[in-house]
C-alpha atoms as a PDB file:
ATOM      1  CA  MET A   1      50.000-103.679  39.446  1.00  0.00           C
ATOM      2  CA  THR A   2      50.433-104.228  35.742  1.00  0.00           C
ATOM      3  CA  THR A   3      47.431-103.997  33.403  1.00  0.00           C
ATOM      4  CA  LEU A   4      47.377-106.743  30.783  1.00  0.00           C
ATOM      5  CA  LEU A   5      45.446-106.734  27.501  1.00  0.00           C
ATOM      6  CA  TYR A   6      44.078-110.019  26.133  1.00  0.00           C
ATOM      7  CA  ARG A   7      41.697-110.133  23.167  1.00  0.00           C
ATOM      8  CA  GLY A   8      40.600-106.589  23.782  1.00  0.00           C
ATOM      9  CA  ASN A   9      39.914-107.062  27.508  1.00  0.00           C
ATOM     10  CA  GLU A  10      42.063-105.492  30.193  1.00  0.00           C
ATOM     11  CA  TYR A  11      43.096-107.454  33.263  1.00  0.00           C
ATOM     12  CA  VAL A  12      45.047-106.496  36.350  1.00  0.00           C
ATOM     13  CA  GLN A  13      47.908-108.896  36.987  1.00  0.00           C
ATOM     14  CA  GLN A  14      47.378-110.585  40.363  1.00  0.00           C
ATOM     15  CA  ASN A  15      50.784-112.270  40.682  1.00  0.00           C
ATOM     16  CA  LYS A  16      54.238-110.789  40.463  1.00  0.00           C
ATOM     17  CA  ALA A  17      56.194-111.627  37.350  1.00  0.00           C
ATOM     18  CA  ALA A  18      58.922-114.216  37.795  1.00  0.00           C
ATOM     19  CA  GLU A  19      62.327-112.633  38.195  1.00  0.00           C
ATOM     20  CA  THR A  20      64.368-115.262  36.365  1.00  0.00           C
ATOM     21  CA  SER A  21      67.315-114.651  34.141  1.00  0.00           C
ATOM     22  CA  PRO A  22      66.828-115.202  30.401  1.00  0.00           C
ATOM     23  CA  VAL A  23      67.801-118.556  28.907  1.00  0.00           C
ATOM     24  CA  GLN A  24      70.221-118.675  25.986  1.00  0.00           C
ATOM     25  CA  LEU A  25      68.940-121.141  23.388  1.00  0.00           C
ATOM     26  CA  THR A  26      71.395-122.931  21.130  1.00  0.00           C
ATOM     27  CA  TYR A  27      71.012-124.601  17.753  1.00  0.00           C
ATOM     28  CA  ARG A  28      72.843-127.876  17.403  1.00  0.00           C
ATOM     29  CA  ARG A  29      72.838-128.866  13.761  1.00  0.00           C
ATOM     30  CA  ASN A  30      73.984-132.454  14.311  1.00  0.00           C
ATOM     31  CA  VAL A  31      71.221-133.130  16.885  1.00  0.00           C
ATOM     32  CA  TYR A  32      68.582-131.623  14.607  1.00  0.00           C
ATOM     33  CA  GLN A  33      69.792-133.570  11.557  1.00  0.00           C
ATOM     34  CA  GLY A  34      69.952-136.810  13.552  1.00  0.00           C
ATOM     35  CA  ARG A  35      66.400-136.465  14.811  1.00  0.00           C
ATOM     36  CA  LEU A  36      65.190-135.514  11.351  1.00  0.00           C
ATOM     37  CA  ASN A  37      66.783-138.688   9.951  1.00  0.00           C
ATOM     38  CA  GLU A  38      65.246-140.809  12.735  1.00  0.00           C
ATOM     39  CA  ALA A  39      61.810-139.422  11.917  1.00  0.00           C
ATOM     40  CA  ALA A  40      62.298-140.151   8.216  1.00  0.00           C
ATOM     41  CA  LEU A  41      63.314-143.748   8.972  1.00  0.00           C
ATOM     42  CA  HIS A  42      60.331-144.160  11.281  1.00  0.00           C
ATOM     43  CA  ASN A  43      57.980-142.904   8.561  1.00  0.00           C
ATOM     44  CA  VAL A  44      59.451-145.377   6.046  1.00  0.00           C
ATOM     45  CA  ALA A  45      58.865-148.182   8.555  1.00  0.00           C
ATOM     46  CA  LEU A  46      55.183-147.145   8.802  1.00  0.00           C
ATOM     47  CA  THR A  47      54.574-147.689   5.074  1.00  0.00           C
ATOM     48  CA  GLY A  48      51.856-150.286   4.548  1.00  0.00           C
ATOM     49  CA  VAL A  49      50.344-149.809   8.001  1.00  0.00           C
ATOM     50  CA  GLN A  50      46.595-150.211   8.375  1.00  0.00           C
ATOM     51  CA  LEU A  51      45.071-147.154  10.084  1.00  0.00           C
ATOM     52  CA  THR A  52      41.493-146.656  11.232  1.00  0.00           C
ATOM     53  CA  TYR A  53      39.929-143.250  11.806  1.00  0.00           C
ATOM     54  CA  ARG A  54      36.311-142.940  12.889  1.00  0.00           C
ATOM     55  CA  GLY A  55      35.548-146.436  11.645  1.00  0.00           C
ATOM     56  CA  VAL A  56      37.129-145.949   8.201  1.00  0.00           C
ATOM     57  CA  SER A  57      40.257-147.986   7.419  1.00  0.00           C
ATOM     58  CA  TYR A  58      43.177-146.538   5.484  1.00  0.00           C
ATOM     59  CA  THR A  59      46.423-148.065   4.270  1.00  0.00           C
ATOM     60  CA  ARG A  60      49.398-145.819   4.544  1.00  0.00           C
END
């Protein structure tokens, strides 16, 4: 069994590690830019919204 170290404490791994193949991640600039623009538009739409946090009201 494998010995694991977490915050200074050693543990013996009880389960076998998953034997999956690694996943190749990709960066898609157009998807990222599109979602960034959507978030910016959503934030502009929230301007002037009345928010309340712990009984205190705020205007954004």
